[in-house]
Amino acid sequence: MFLKNSLLLAGMMFSLIQSAQAFQPDYKKAFSGYNGCFMLYDNSSEKMVAEYNPDNRCAQRIPPNSTFKIPLALMAFDAGVINKNTVFKWDGQPYDLPGWSQDQTPASWEKYSVVWVSQQISPELGVDKIKKYLAQFNYGNQDLSGDKGKNNGLTHAWLSSSLKISAQEQMSLLQRFANGTLPISHEAMEETKKIIYAGKLDQGADYYGKTGSGWKNRSDNGQNNGKMRDGWYIGMVENAGKEYLFVSNITDKTQPKASENKAGGPIVKEISLKLLNSYFSAK
């Protein structure tokens, strides 16, 4: 029996070592040209299994941009402002972005990252209620003031503006969300998770996620002026009965060329999915 247990333990240790050796990403190459952060947390075992945090980047606050749609959905479902059958009516204004020029559901709002839906929801919640939720969620700097002198915090604070959050704080929110310990209804958490489902990784694991795209040091008048891009990708992975949480972000190190017109969110999503596919394929 002792020999059998010893062999079993040795086999498990060998498997863990193999897995660790198999996942050895070249983070500097993956994040070339960007100040970046990546964290992958095994929520089932309560341990960080992969981390890239140069110059303590993961502790630096930047605007959440469209990743704010996750806490905004949690708030809206909890407050009864939306439900799974809600339809957001399009006002007929044409948009260049895919999927925006149509009526929206909660799922399409998240899928296409439709800002005009967020800007319908936030006034229905109101400043006081949103501030209360931000405090309960320990959400970054909780600054809902918006652009200086514009009094637009209710609809713009999270868009390259006053509201800022670090990757570590995003991870903390995801942990409470995944564990069902946020001070809101479980139904709100369940419905929010459903609408951020994103698909399957290469080896079949289900993943959930939300991008965010914006601009570093956007000018006070709201103009982007071709400044450096910010990008986020955050979410969850379900694999072999275990749950993992990931947070990744980037900021350009130098101002991108005019021809580099891809937004920050899709860039870091691509980086993140490569890292996640590599990690879970190695397991």
Protein backbone atom coordinates (compact mmCIF):
# COMPACT_ATOMS: atom_id res chain seq x y z
CA MET A 1 0.00 0.00 0.00
CA PHE A 2 2.83 2.38 0.90
CA LEU A 3 4.56 1.65 -2.42
CA LYS A 4 1.30 2.14 -4.33
CA ASN A 5 0.66 5.51 -2.65
CA SER A 6 4.25 6.60 -3.22
CA LEU A 7 4.03 5.75 -6.90
CA LEU A 8 0.72 7.60 -7.18
CA LEU A 9 2.19 10.70 -5.50
CA ALA A 10 5.26 10.55 -7.71
CA GLY A 11 3.07 10.29 -10.78
CA MET A 12 1.04 13.32 -9.74
CA MET A 13 4.18 15.35 -9.08
CA PHE A 14 5.63 14.34 -12.45
CA SER A 15 2.40 15.37 -14.16
CA LEU A 16 2.47 18.78 -12.45
CA ILE A 17 6.11 19.31 -13.40
CA GLN A 18 5.36 18.32 -17.00
CA SER A 19 2.47 20.78 -17.14
CA ALA A 20 4.57 23.60 -15.71
CA GLN A 21 7.37 22.85 -18.17
CA ALA A 22 4.95 22.68 -21.10
CA PHE A 23 3.57 26.17 -20.40
CA GLN A 24 6.53 28.48 -20.69
CA PRO A 25 5.31 31.43 -22.75
CA ASP A 26 7.59 34.13 -24.08
CA TYR A 27 5.71 36.99 -22.44
CA LYS A 28 8.10 39.64 -23.75
CA LYS A 29 7.44 38.48 -27.29
CA ALA A 30 3.68 38.20 -26.72
CA PHE A 31 3.51 41.73 -25.33
CA SER A 32 6.14 43.25 -27.63
CA GLY A 33 5.43 46.95 -28.12
CA TYR A 34 3.11 47.15 -25.12
CA ASN A 35 3.20 47.70 -21.40
CA GLY A 36 1.19 44.66 -20.41
CA CYS A 37 -0.10 42.42 -17.67
CA PHE A 38 -1.47 38.87 -17.65
CA MET A 39 -2.84 36.86 -14.74
CA LEU A 40 -4.41 33.40 -14.75
CA TYR A 41 -5.92 32.27 -11.47
CA ASP A 42 -7.10 28.75 -10.60
CA ASN A 43 -10.24 29.65 -8.67
CA SER A 44 -10.91 26.04 -7.71
CA SER A 45 -7.49 25.64 -6.06
CA GLU A 46 -7.23 29.32 -5.07
CA LYS A 47 -3.80 29.89 -6.58
CA MET A 48 -2.23 31.98 -9.32
CA VAL A 49 -0.98 29.62 -12.02
CA ALA A 50 0.48 32.14 -14.47
CA GLU A 51 1.45 35.78 -14.14
CA TYR A 52 3.24 38.44 -16.15
CA ASN A 53 3.65 41.60 -14.09
CA PRO A 54 6.64 43.69 -15.21
CA ASP A 55 7.19 46.88 -13.21
CA ASN A 56 4.13 45.99 -11.14
CA ARG A 57 1.94 46.72 -14.16
CA CYS A 58 -0.94 44.64 -12.75
CA ALA A 59 -1.29 47.12 -9.87
CA GLN A 60 -1.50 50.18 -12.15
CA ARG A 61 -4.96 51.65 -12.66
CA ILE A 62 -6.24 52.48 -16.14
CA PRO A 63 -9.81 53.14 -17.34
CA PRO A 64 -11.89 49.95 -17.61
CA ASN A 65 -13.56 51.02 -20.85
CA SER A 66 -15.97 48.31 -22.01
CA THR A 67 -14.97 45.78 -19.35
CA PHE A 68 -17.22 48.02 -17.22
CA LYS A 69 -20.12 46.29 -18.99
CA ILE A 70 -19.62 43.34 -16.61
CA PRO A 71 -20.20 45.29 -13.36
CA LEU A 72 -22.84 47.41 -15.13
CA ALA A 73 -24.74 44.23 -16.05
CA LEU A 74 -24.42 42.96 -12.47
CA MET A 75 -25.87 46.26 -11.21
CA ALA A 76 -28.67 46.38 -13.79
CA PHE A 77 -29.83 42.80 -13.26
CA ASP A 78 -29.68 43.23 -9.48
CA ALA A 79 -31.63 46.50 -9.53
CA GLY A 80 -34.25 45.13 -11.91
CA VAL A 81 -33.40 47.68 -14.59
CA ILE A 82 -32.94 44.83 -17.07
CA ASN A 83 -33.86 41.15 -17.26
CA LYS A 84 -33.04 38.33 -19.66
CA ASN A 85 -35.92 39.35 -21.95
CA THR A 86 -35.09 43.06 -22.16
CA VAL A 87 -34.90 44.60 -25.63
CA PHE A 88 -32.99 47.86 -26.05
CA LYS A 89 -34.55 49.80 -28.92
CA TRP A 90 -32.22 51.24 -31.54
CA ASP A 91 -33.01 54.89 -32.33
CA GLY A 92 -32.16 54.57 -36.02
CA GLN A 93 -28.81 56.37 -35.84
CA PRO A 94 -26.36 54.48 -38.07
CA TYR A 95 -23.08 53.26 -36.57
CA ASP A 96 -19.92 52.02 -38.27
CA LEU A 97 -19.27 49.37 -35.65
CA PRO A 98 -20.60 45.85 -36.36
CA GLY A 99 -23.85 44.92 -34.67
CA TRP A 100 -24.60 48.37 -33.25
CA SER A 101 -27.27 49.52 -35.73
CA GLN A 102 -30.10 47.31 -34.51
CA ASP A 103 -32.20 46.52 -31.45
CA GLN A 104 -30.14 44.83 -28.72
CA THR A 105 -30.58 42.11 -26.10
CA PRO A 106 -28.42 41.83 -22.97
CA ALA A 107 -26.32 39.19 -24.77
CA SER A 108 -25.83 41.24 -27.95
CA TRP A 109 -25.00 44.30 -25.83
CA GLU A 110 -22.03 42.41 -24.40
CA LYS A 111 -21.13 40.57 -27.62
CA TYR A 112 -20.93 43.70 -29.77
CA SER A 113 -19.87 45.96 -26.88
CA VAL A 114 -22.63 48.45 -27.64
CA VAL A 115 -21.87 51.68 -25.81
CA TRP A 116 -25.27 53.25 -26.50
CA VAL A 117 -26.92 50.46 -24.50
CA SER A 118 -24.63 51.16 -21.53
CA GLN A 119 -25.59 54.81 -21.84
CA GLN A 120 -29.28 53.86 -21.63
CA ILE A 121 -28.75 51.66 -18.59
CA SER A 122 -26.56 53.97 -16.48
CA PRO A 123 -29.09 56.88 -16.28
CA GLU A 124 -31.81 54.40 -15.29
CA LEU A 125 -29.62 53.25 -12.41
CA GLY A 126 -28.64 56.81 -11.48
CA VAL A 127 -25.48 58.25 -9.98
CA ASP A 128 -26.23 57.43 -6.35
CA LYS A 129 -27.04 53.78 -7.01
CA ILE A 130 -24.00 53.27 -9.25
CA LYS A 131 -21.73 54.86 -6.64
CA LYS A 132 -23.18 52.54 -4.01
CA TYR A 133 -22.50 49.50 -6.18
CA LEU A 134 -18.96 50.71 -7.00
CA ALA A 135 -18.25 50.93 -3.26
CA GLN A 136 -19.74 47.49 -2.61
CA PHE A 137 -17.69 46.03 -5.46
CA ASN A 138 -14.49 47.84 -4.31
CA TYR A 139 -14.24 48.92 -7.93
CA GLY A 140 -10.98 50.78 -8.54
CA ASN A 141 -10.94 54.48 -7.70
CA GLN A 142 -14.78 54.69 -7.85
CA ASP A 143 -14.50 58.10 -9.56
CA LEU A 144 -17.70 58.70 -11.51
CA SER A 145 -17.00 62.38 -12.27
CA GLY A 146 -16.30 61.90 -16.00
CA ASP A 147 -14.50 64.31 -18.31
CA LYS A 148 -13.34 67.53 -16.65
CA GLY A 149 -15.97 70.27 -16.86
CA LYS A 150 -18.40 68.19 -18.93
CA ASN A 151 -20.68 66.75 -16.23
CA ASN A 152 -20.86 63.50 -18.20
CA GLY A 153 -19.76 60.96 -15.61
CA LEU A 154 -23.02 59.02 -15.67
CA THR A 155 -22.52 58.09 -19.32
CA HIS A 156 -18.76 58.47 -19.90
CA ALA A 157 -16.79 57.97 -16.67
CA TRP A 158 -15.52 54.51 -17.69
CA LEU A 159 -14.59 55.53 -21.26
CA SER A 160 -10.94 56.64 -21.08
CA SER A 161 -12.05 59.06 -18.38
CA SER A 162 -12.14 59.38 -14.59
CA LEU A 163 -13.03 55.83 -13.51
CA LYS A 164 -9.91 53.65 -13.25
CA ILE A 165 -9.13 50.15 -12.04
CA SER A 166 -6.08 47.88 -11.87
CA ALA A 167 -5.79 44.35 -13.20
CA GLN A 168 -5.45 43.10 -9.63
CA GLU A 169 -8.70 44.83 -8.72
CA GLN A 170 -10.39 43.38 -11.80
CA MET A 171 -9.25 39.93 -10.63
CA SER A 172 -10.67 40.55 -7.17
CA LEU A 173 -14.04 41.45 -8.69
CA LEU A 174 -13.98 38.32 -10.87
CA GLN A 175 -13.23 36.18 -7.82
CA ARG A 176 -16.22 37.54 -5.92
CA PHE A 177 -18.37 37.24 -9.05
CA ALA A 178 -17.32 33.63 -9.67
CA ASN A 179 -17.69 32.67 -6.00
CA GLY A 180 -21.10 34.29 -5.69
CA THR A 181 -19.99 36.54 -2.83
CA LEU A 182 -20.86 39.95 -4.29
CA PRO A 183 -23.59 41.68 -2.21
CA ILE A 184 -26.17 41.28 -4.97
CA SER A 185 -28.67 38.61 -6.01
CA HIS A 186 -27.40 35.27 -7.27
CA GLU A 187 -29.76 35.63 -10.21
CA ALA A 188 -27.95 38.83 -11.24
CA MET A 189 -24.62 37.00 -11.19
CA GLU A 190 -26.02 34.00 -13.09
CA GLU A 191 -27.61 36.14 -15.81
CA THR A 192 -24.46 38.25 -16.20
CA LYS A 193 -22.32 35.15 -16.63
CA LYS A 194 -24.64 33.84 -19.34
CA ILE A 195 -24.37 36.98 -21.46
CA ILE A 196 -20.56 37.08 -21.47
CA TYR A 197 -20.14 33.52 -22.79
CA ALA A 198 -17.58 33.76 -25.60
CA GLY A 199 -17.05 30.22 -26.94
CA LYS A 200 -14.57 27.36 -26.63
CA LEU A 201 -10.80 27.28 -26.50
CA ASP A 202 -8.91 25.04 -28.91
CA GLN A 203 -9.11 22.01 -26.63
CA GLY A 204 -12.79 22.49 -25.83
CA ALA A 205 -12.83 24.47 -22.58
CA ASP A 206 -15.65 27.00 -22.30
CA TYR A 207 -14.60 30.58 -21.79
CA TYR A 208 -16.34 33.82 -20.91
CA GLY A 209 -14.89 37.24 -21.54
CA LYS A 210 -15.18 40.96 -22.17
CA THR A 211 -12.87 43.28 -24.04
CA GLY A 212 -12.26 46.94 -23.36
CA SER A 213 -10.67 49.49 -25.71
CA GLY A 214 -9.65 53.08 -25.08
CA TRP A 215 -6.93 55.69 -25.15
CA LYS A 216 -4.23 56.62 -22.69
CA ASN A 217 -4.26 60.23 -21.51
CA ARG A 218 -7.19 61.24 -23.69
CA SER A 219 -7.48 65.04 -23.75
CA ASP A 220 -10.01 66.76 -21.48
CA ASN A 221 -12.13 67.82 -24.46
CA GLY A 222 -12.76 64.15 -25.23
CA GLN A 223 -10.59 63.96 -28.34
CA ASN A 224 -8.41 60.87 -28.79
CA ASN A 225 -5.69 62.65 -30.81
CA GLY A 226 -4.04 59.38 -31.80
CA LYS A 227 -2.65 58.72 -28.32
CA MET A 228 -1.52 55.32 -27.09
CA ARG A 229 -4.17 52.61 -26.97
CA ASP A 230 -5.38 50.89 -23.82
CA GLY A 231 -6.82 47.39 -24.07
CA TRP A 232 -8.37 44.84 -21.72
CA TYR A 233 -9.52 41.25 -21.87
CA ILE A 234 -10.95 39.68 -18.71
CA GLY A 235 -13.04 36.62 -17.99
CA MET A 236 -13.34 32.99 -16.93
CA VAL A 237 -12.51 29.52 -18.23
CA GLU A 238 -14.23 26.26 -17.26
CA ASN A 239 -12.04 23.23 -17.85
CA ALA A 240 -12.38 19.65 -16.57
CA GLY A 241 -14.62 20.65 -13.68
CA LYS A 242 -12.38 23.52 -12.59
CA GLU A 243 -12.79 27.26 -12.93
CA TYR A 244 -10.08 29.71 -13.89
CA LEU A 245 -10.11 33.51 -14.02
CA PHE A 246 -7.97 35.66 -16.29
CA VAL A 247 -7.16 39.34 -16.59
CA SER A 248 -4.95 40.93 -19.21
CA ASN A 249 -4.31 44.49 -20.33
CA ILE A 250 -2.02 46.53 -22.56
CA THR A 251 -1.02 50.11 -23.27
CA ASP A 252 1.06 51.08 -26.30
CA LYS A 253 4.65 51.96 -25.42
CA THR A 254 4.78 54.45 -28.31
CA GLN A 255 2.14 56.21 -30.36
CA PRO A 256 0.89 53.78 -33.04
CA LYS A 257 1.19 54.58 -36.72
CA ALA A 258 -1.93 55.82 -38.47
CA SER A 259 -2.11 52.49 -40.32
CA GLU A 260 -2.31 50.59 -37.02
CA ASN A 261 -6.04 51.11 -36.57
CA LYS A 262 -6.87 48.00 -34.55
CA ALA A 263 -8.34 48.81 -31.13
CA GLY A 264 -6.60 47.78 -27.92
CA GLY A 265 -9.25 45.30 -26.78
CA PRO A 266 -9.07 43.00 -29.82
CA ILE A 267 -5.27 43.15 -29.67
CA VAL A 268 -5.05 41.97 -26.07
CA LYS A 269 -7.87 39.45 -26.61
CA GLU A 270 -5.75 37.83 -29.31
CA ILE A 271 -2.72 37.78 -27.01
CA SER A 272 -4.79 36.36 -24.13
CA LEU A 273 -6.40 33.60 -26.19
CA LYS A 274 -3.00 32.47 -27.44
CA LEU A 275 -1.77 32.26 -23.84
CA LEU A 276 -4.93 30.50 -22.64
CA ASN A 277 -4.86 28.01 -25.52
CA SER A 278 -1.21 27.29 -24.78
CA TYR A 279 -1.87 26.78 -21.07
CA PHE A 280 -4.90 24.53 -21.39
CA SER A 281 -3.46 22.53 -24.28
CA ALA A 282 -0.49 21.75 -22.04
CA LYS A 283 -2.65 20.39 -19.21
